[in-house]
N, C-alpha and C. Protein backbone atom coordinates (compact mmCIF):
# COMPACT_ATOMS: atom_id res chain seq x y z
N MET A 1 -3.08 -9.65 -12.50
CA MET A 1 -4.44 -9.89 -12.10
C MET A 1 -4.45 -10.59 -10.74
N ILE A 2 -5.39 -10.20 -9.92
CA ILE A 2 -5.62 -10.83 -8.62
C ILE A 2 -6.96 -11.56 -8.70
N THR A 3 -7.00 -12.78 -8.19
CA THR A 3 -8.23 -13.55 -8.17
C THR A 3 -8.63 -13.79 -6.72
N LEU A 4 -9.88 -13.46 -6.39
CA LEU A 4 -10.41 -13.73 -5.06
C LEU A 4 -11.37 -14.91 -5.17
N LYS A 5 -11.20 -15.86 -4.28
CA LYS A 5 -12.10 -17.02 -4.22
C LYS A 5 -12.72 -17.08 -2.83
N ARG A 6 -14.05 -17.12 -2.80
CA ARG A 6 -14.74 -17.34 -1.53
C ARG A 6 -14.79 -18.84 -1.34
N THR A 7 -14.23 -19.29 -0.24
CA THR A 7 -14.11 -20.73 0.01
C THR A 7 -15.38 -21.28 0.65
N SER A 8 -15.50 -22.60 0.66
CA SER A 8 -16.71 -23.25 1.19
C SER A 8 -16.92 -22.98 2.67
N ASP A 9 -15.84 -22.65 3.39
CA ASP A 9 -15.98 -22.34 4.82
C ASP A 9 -16.25 -20.86 5.07
N GLY A 10 -16.49 -20.09 4.01
CA GLY A 10 -16.81 -18.68 4.15
C GLY A 10 -15.62 -17.75 4.16
N GLY A 11 -14.42 -18.29 3.95
CA GLY A 11 -13.22 -17.46 3.94
C GLY A 11 -12.97 -16.86 2.57
N TYR A 12 -11.96 -16.00 2.51
CA TYR A 12 -11.57 -15.36 1.26
C TYR A 12 -10.09 -15.62 1.02
N ASN A 13 -9.78 -16.11 -0.17
CA ASN A 13 -8.39 -16.34 -0.55
C ASN A 13 -8.12 -15.54 -1.81
N MET A 14 -7.10 -14.69 -1.75
CA MET A 14 -6.71 -13.88 -2.90
C MET A 14 -5.35 -14.35 -3.37
N SER A 15 -5.20 -14.54 -4.68
CA SER A 15 -3.92 -15.01 -5.20
C SER A 15 -3.57 -14.28 -6.49
N ASN A 16 -2.25 -14.21 -6.74
CA ASN A 16 -1.78 -13.61 -7.98
C ASN A 16 -1.46 -14.71 -8.99
N ARG A 17 -0.98 -14.33 -10.16
CA ARG A 17 -0.69 -15.29 -11.23
C ARG A 17 0.40 -16.28 -10.86
N GLU A 18 1.28 -15.89 -9.94
CA GLU A 18 2.37 -16.76 -9.51
C GLU A 18 1.94 -17.73 -8.42
N GLY A 19 0.71 -17.61 -7.95
CA GLY A 19 0.21 -18.52 -6.93
C GLY A 19 0.44 -18.07 -5.50
N VAL A 20 0.97 -16.87 -5.31
CA VAL A 20 1.15 -16.33 -3.96
C VAL A 20 -0.22 -15.89 -3.47
N SER A 21 -0.56 -16.26 -2.24
CA SER A 21 -1.89 -15.93 -1.76
C SER A 21 -1.88 -15.28 -0.38
N VAL A 22 -2.93 -14.54 -0.11
CA VAL A 22 -3.17 -13.95 1.20
C VAL A 22 -4.63 -14.21 1.55
N GLN A 23 -4.90 -14.19 2.83
CA GLN A 23 -6.27 -14.40 3.31
C GLN A 23 -6.92 -13.07 3.62
N GLY A 24 -8.18 -12.96 3.27
CA GLY A 24 -8.96 -11.78 3.61
C GLY A 24 -9.73 -12.02 4.89
N ALA A 25 -9.83 -11.00 5.72
CA ALA A 25 -10.60 -11.10 6.96
C ALA A 25 -12.07 -11.30 6.61
N THR A 26 -12.74 -12.15 7.35
CA THR A 26 -14.14 -12.44 7.07
C THR A 26 -15.12 -11.51 7.78
N SER A 27 -14.59 -10.66 8.65
CA SER A 27 -15.43 -9.65 9.32
C SER A 27 -14.53 -8.57 9.89
N LYS A 28 -15.14 -7.48 10.33
CA LYS A 28 -14.37 -6.38 10.91
C LYS A 28 -13.66 -6.78 12.19
N THR A 29 -14.22 -7.76 12.90
CA THR A 29 -13.64 -8.16 14.19
C THR A 29 -12.79 -9.42 14.10
N ASN A 30 -12.76 -10.06 12.95
CA ASN A 30 -12.00 -11.30 12.78
C ASN A 30 -10.58 -10.97 12.35
N THR A 31 -9.62 -11.66 12.91
CA THR A 31 -8.21 -11.38 12.60
C THR A 31 -7.57 -12.51 11.80
N ASP A 32 -8.37 -13.23 11.02
CA ASP A 32 -7.84 -14.35 10.24
C ASP A 32 -7.19 -13.93 8.93
N GLY A 33 -7.21 -12.67 8.62
CA GLY A 33 -6.62 -12.19 7.37
C GLY A 33 -6.63 -10.67 7.33
N PHE A 34 -6.23 -10.13 6.18
CA PHE A 34 -6.19 -8.68 5.99
C PHE A 34 -7.57 -8.13 5.65
N THR A 35 -7.89 -6.95 6.19
CA THR A 35 -9.10 -6.25 5.79
C THR A 35 -8.82 -5.51 4.48
N PRO A 36 -9.86 -5.08 3.77
CA PRO A 36 -9.62 -4.30 2.56
C PRO A 36 -8.78 -3.04 2.82
N PHE A 37 -9.02 -2.36 3.94
CA PHE A 37 -8.22 -1.18 4.29
C PHE A 37 -6.75 -1.56 4.43
N GLU A 38 -6.50 -2.69 5.12
CA GLU A 38 -5.11 -3.12 5.33
C GLU A 38 -4.43 -3.49 4.02
N LEU A 39 -5.16 -4.13 3.12
CA LEU A 39 -4.58 -4.47 1.82
C LEU A 39 -4.22 -3.22 1.03
N LEU A 40 -5.08 -2.21 1.10
CA LEU A 40 -4.80 -0.96 0.41
C LEU A 40 -3.59 -0.27 1.03
N CYS A 41 -3.51 -0.26 2.35
CA CYS A 41 -2.34 0.32 3.03
C CYS A 41 -1.07 -0.46 2.70
N ASN A 42 -1.18 -1.79 2.61
CA ASN A 42 -0.03 -2.60 2.20
C ASN A 42 0.45 -2.21 0.81
N SER A 43 -0.49 -1.97 -0.10
CA SER A 43 -0.13 -1.58 -1.46
C SER A 43 0.61 -0.25 -1.48
N ILE A 44 0.14 0.70 -0.68
CA ILE A 44 0.81 2.00 -0.61
C ILE A 44 2.22 1.83 -0.04
N SER A 45 2.35 1.09 1.05
CA SER A 45 3.67 0.96 1.69
C SER A 45 4.65 0.21 0.79
N LEU A 46 4.21 -0.83 0.10
CA LEU A 46 5.11 -1.56 -0.79
C LEU A 46 5.50 -0.72 -1.99
N CYS A 47 4.56 0.03 -2.54
CA CYS A 47 4.88 0.91 -3.67
C CYS A 47 5.90 1.97 -3.26
N MET A 48 5.71 2.56 -2.09
CA MET A 48 6.68 3.54 -1.59
C MET A 48 8.04 2.88 -1.37
N ALA A 49 8.05 1.65 -0.83
CA ALA A 49 9.31 0.94 -0.58
C ALA A 49 10.06 0.66 -1.88
N LEU A 50 9.35 0.19 -2.90
CA LEU A 50 10.00 -0.09 -4.18
C LEU A 50 10.54 1.19 -4.81
N SER A 51 9.79 2.28 -4.68
CA SER A 51 10.26 3.58 -5.19
C SER A 51 11.49 4.04 -4.41
N LEU A 52 11.45 3.91 -3.09
CA LEU A 52 12.61 4.28 -2.26
C LEU A 52 13.83 3.46 -2.64
N ASP A 53 13.65 2.14 -2.78
CA ASP A 53 14.79 1.28 -3.12
C ASP A 53 15.45 1.69 -4.42
N ALA A 54 14.64 2.00 -5.44
CA ALA A 54 15.20 2.41 -6.73
C ALA A 54 15.99 3.72 -6.59
N LEU A 55 15.46 4.66 -5.83
CA LEU A 55 16.14 5.94 -5.64
C LEU A 55 17.40 5.80 -4.80
N ILE A 56 17.34 4.98 -3.75
CA ILE A 56 18.51 4.75 -2.89
C ILE A 56 19.64 4.13 -3.70
N LYS A 57 19.28 3.16 -4.53
CA LYS A 57 20.29 2.50 -5.37
C LYS A 57 20.86 3.47 -6.41
N ARG A 58 19.97 4.19 -7.09
CA ARG A 58 20.40 5.13 -8.14
C ARG A 58 21.35 6.19 -7.59
N ASP A 59 21.00 6.74 -6.43
CA ASP A 59 21.78 7.83 -5.85
C ASP A 59 22.86 7.35 -4.89
N GLU A 60 22.98 6.03 -4.75
CA GLU A 60 23.99 5.43 -3.87
C GLU A 60 23.95 6.03 -2.47
N LEU A 61 22.75 6.07 -1.90
CA LEU A 61 22.56 6.65 -0.57
C LEU A 61 22.82 5.62 0.51
N ASP A 62 23.27 6.10 1.66
CA ASP A 62 23.56 5.23 2.79
C ASP A 62 22.30 5.09 3.67
N VAL A 63 21.40 4.22 3.24
CA VAL A 63 20.20 3.92 4.02
C VAL A 63 20.30 2.44 4.40
N THR A 64 20.43 2.18 5.69
CA THR A 64 20.61 0.80 6.15
C THR A 64 19.29 0.06 6.29
N GLU A 65 18.24 0.77 6.66
CA GLU A 65 16.90 0.19 6.75
C GLU A 65 15.89 1.31 6.87
N TYR A 66 14.63 0.95 6.71
CA TYR A 66 13.56 1.94 6.91
C TYR A 66 12.27 1.22 7.29
N ASN A 67 11.37 1.98 7.89
CA ASN A 67 10.03 1.52 8.23
C ASN A 67 9.03 2.47 7.59
N ILE A 68 7.94 1.92 7.10
CA ILE A 68 6.87 2.73 6.52
C ILE A 68 5.57 2.34 7.22
N ASP A 69 4.92 3.32 7.84
CA ASP A 69 3.62 3.11 8.47
C ASP A 69 2.57 3.87 7.67
N VAL A 70 1.49 3.20 7.32
CA VAL A 70 0.40 3.83 6.57
C VAL A 70 -0.87 3.72 7.40
N THR A 71 -1.49 4.87 7.64
CA THR A 71 -2.73 4.92 8.42
C THR A 71 -3.85 5.47 7.54
N PRO A 72 -4.94 4.71 7.39
CA PRO A 72 -6.08 5.23 6.62
C PRO A 72 -6.99 6.06 7.52
N HIS A 73 -7.59 7.09 6.95
CA HIS A 73 -8.55 7.93 7.67
C HIS A 73 -9.87 7.86 6.91
N LYS A 74 -10.85 7.22 7.51
CA LYS A 74 -12.13 7.01 6.85
C LYS A 74 -12.97 8.28 6.91
N ALA A 75 -13.63 8.58 5.80
CA ALA A 75 -14.52 9.73 5.74
C ALA A 75 -15.73 9.49 6.63
N GLU A 76 -16.23 10.56 7.23
CA GLU A 76 -17.40 10.44 8.09
C GLU A 76 -18.70 10.63 7.33
N ASP A 77 -18.61 11.17 6.10
CA ASP A 77 -19.80 11.37 5.30
C ASP A 77 -19.87 10.31 4.20
N SER A 78 -20.95 10.31 3.44
CA SER A 78 -21.15 9.35 2.35
C SER A 78 -20.49 9.87 1.08
N PRO A 79 -20.08 8.99 0.20
CA PRO A 79 -20.12 7.54 0.29
C PRO A 79 -19.00 7.00 1.18
N SER A 80 -19.14 5.76 1.60
CA SER A 80 -18.12 5.11 2.44
C SER A 80 -16.81 5.05 1.67
N ARG A 81 -15.75 5.61 2.27
CA ARG A 81 -14.45 5.68 1.58
C ARG A 81 -13.37 6.10 2.57
N ILE A 82 -12.14 5.94 2.15
CA ILE A 82 -11.01 6.51 2.87
C ILE A 82 -10.74 7.86 2.23
N GLU A 83 -10.72 8.92 3.03
CA GLU A 83 -10.52 10.24 2.45
C GLU A 83 -9.07 10.70 2.46
N ARG A 84 -8.24 10.02 3.28
CA ARG A 84 -6.85 10.45 3.38
C ARG A 84 -6.03 9.31 3.98
N PHE A 85 -4.78 9.24 3.56
CA PHE A 85 -3.81 8.32 4.14
C PHE A 85 -2.66 9.12 4.73
N THR A 86 -2.19 8.72 5.90
CA THR A 86 -0.98 9.29 6.47
C THR A 86 0.12 8.25 6.28
N VAL A 87 1.20 8.65 5.62
CA VAL A 87 2.34 7.76 5.38
C VAL A 87 3.53 8.33 6.15
N GLU A 88 4.05 7.54 7.08
CA GLU A 88 5.21 7.94 7.88
C GLU A 88 6.38 7.04 7.53
N VAL A 89 7.50 7.67 7.16
CA VAL A 89 8.69 6.93 6.76
C VAL A 89 9.80 7.24 7.75
N GLN A 90 10.37 6.21 8.33
CA GLN A 90 11.50 6.34 9.25
C GLN A 90 12.72 5.74 8.57
N LEU A 91 13.71 6.58 8.28
CA LEU A 91 14.92 6.15 7.58
C LEU A 91 16.08 6.01 8.56
N ALA A 92 16.84 4.93 8.44
CA ALA A 92 18.06 4.74 9.24
C ALA A 92 19.25 4.78 8.29
N GLY A 93 20.23 5.57 8.65
CA GLY A 93 21.42 5.69 7.82
C GLY A 93 22.00 7.08 7.94
N GLU A 94 23.01 7.33 7.15
CA GLU A 94 23.72 8.61 7.19
C GLU A 94 23.15 9.58 6.17
N LEU A 95 21.98 10.17 6.47
CA LEU A 95 21.35 11.14 5.59
C LEU A 95 21.00 12.39 6.37
N ASP A 96 21.26 13.56 5.76
CA ASP A 96 20.83 14.80 6.39
C ASP A 96 19.35 15.03 6.09
N GLU A 97 18.74 15.97 6.78
CA GLU A 97 17.30 16.22 6.64
C GLU A 97 16.92 16.63 5.22
N LYS A 98 17.75 17.43 4.57
CA LYS A 98 17.46 17.88 3.21
C LYS A 98 17.40 16.68 2.26
N THR A 99 18.35 15.77 2.39
CA THR A 99 18.38 14.58 1.54
C THR A 99 17.19 13.68 1.82
N LYS A 100 16.83 13.53 3.10
CA LYS A 100 15.67 12.71 3.47
C LYS A 100 14.40 13.27 2.83
N LYS A 101 14.20 14.58 2.95
CA LYS A 101 13.00 15.20 2.39
C LYS A 101 12.94 15.05 0.88
N LYS A 102 14.08 15.21 0.21
CA LYS A 102 14.13 15.06 -1.24
C LYS A 102 13.84 13.61 -1.64
N LEU A 103 14.40 12.67 -0.90
CA LEU A 103 14.19 11.25 -1.18
C LEU A 103 12.71 10.88 -1.03
N ILE A 104 12.09 11.32 0.05
CA ILE A 104 10.68 11.00 0.28
C ILE A 104 9.78 11.66 -0.77
N ALA A 105 10.06 12.90 -1.13
CA ALA A 105 9.27 13.59 -2.15
C ALA A 105 9.39 12.87 -3.50
N SER A 106 10.60 12.43 -3.84
CA SER A 106 10.81 11.71 -5.10
C SER A 106 10.10 10.36 -5.09
N ALA A 107 10.15 9.66 -3.97
CA ALA A 107 9.46 8.36 -3.86
C ALA A 107 7.95 8.54 -3.98
N LYS A 108 7.43 9.59 -3.37
CA LYS A 108 5.99 9.86 -3.45
C LYS A 108 5.57 10.12 -4.89
N ARG A 109 6.37 10.90 -5.63
CA ARG A 109 6.08 11.18 -7.03
C ARG A 109 6.15 9.91 -7.89
N ALA A 110 7.04 8.99 -7.54
CA ALA A 110 7.25 7.78 -8.34
C ALA A 110 6.25 6.66 -8.02
N CYS A 111 5.55 6.75 -6.92
CA CYS A 111 4.68 5.66 -6.46
C CYS A 111 3.39 5.60 -7.29
N THR A 112 3.27 4.57 -8.10
CA THR A 112 2.11 4.41 -8.98
C THR A 112 0.81 4.26 -8.19
N VAL A 113 0.84 3.53 -7.10
CA VAL A 113 -0.37 3.34 -6.29
C VAL A 113 -0.82 4.68 -5.71
N GLY A 114 0.11 5.44 -5.15
CA GLY A 114 -0.23 6.75 -4.62
C GLY A 114 -0.77 7.68 -5.69
N ASN A 115 -0.15 7.66 -6.86
CA ASN A 115 -0.62 8.50 -7.97
C ASN A 115 -2.02 8.09 -8.42
N THR A 116 -2.29 6.79 -8.43
CA THR A 116 -3.62 6.30 -8.81
C THR A 116 -4.66 6.78 -7.81
N LEU A 117 -4.36 6.69 -6.53
CA LEU A 117 -5.31 7.16 -5.51
C LEU A 117 -5.51 8.67 -5.60
N LYS A 118 -4.44 9.39 -5.85
CA LYS A 118 -4.53 10.85 -5.92
C LYS A 118 -5.35 11.32 -7.11
N HIS A 119 -5.17 10.66 -8.25
CA HIS A 119 -5.81 11.12 -9.48
C HIS A 119 -7.07 10.32 -9.85
N GLY A 120 -7.31 9.22 -9.15
CA GLY A 120 -8.51 8.42 -9.40
C GLY A 120 -8.31 7.45 -10.55
N ALA A 121 -9.14 6.44 -10.58
CA ALA A 121 -9.13 5.44 -11.65
C ALA A 121 -10.55 4.92 -11.81
N GLU A 122 -10.90 4.63 -13.04
CA GLU A 122 -12.21 4.03 -13.30
C GLU A 122 -12.19 2.58 -12.86
N MET A 123 -13.33 2.07 -12.41
CA MET A 123 -13.45 0.67 -12.04
C MET A 123 -14.62 0.08 -12.82
N ASP A 124 -14.30 -0.77 -13.77
CA ASP A 124 -15.32 -1.45 -14.55
C ASP A 124 -15.62 -2.80 -13.90
N VAL A 125 -16.87 -3.07 -13.61
CA VAL A 125 -17.28 -4.34 -13.02
C VAL A 125 -18.14 -5.06 -14.04
N GLU A 126 -17.73 -6.29 -14.38
CA GLU A 126 -18.43 -7.06 -15.40
C GLU A 126 -18.89 -8.40 -14.84
N ILE A 127 -20.00 -8.89 -15.31
CA ILE A 127 -20.46 -10.23 -14.99
C ILE A 127 -19.97 -11.14 -16.10
N ILE A 128 -19.27 -12.23 -15.73
CA ILE A 128 -18.76 -13.14 -16.76
C ILE A 128 -19.32 -14.54 -16.56
């Protein structure tokens, strides 16, 4: 569970059960924290990274490091939403193109966040 608290100074603090927190941006032009789009992109990139790590370990692949860039593309029509994400993965190590493509396809299939976005999820909002 994630808890968001609006602070007395108008800021947003989001924390998990372990007490790790991040700040939410208070406006589109303010850089004091992450925007909702950025948090969603962070979720996609971390999910892909965890999936990649599991596959790299399982298959004992020589990947020394990697970068994942996620770009959201906002829909121009209503309702307001992101209609597509571009995920770019740069792998460093001794892998041929066939292995890289297989690794990325497997990580995409394993990524729970990506699967949730692809297939949709219900959102229940309750007043407590």
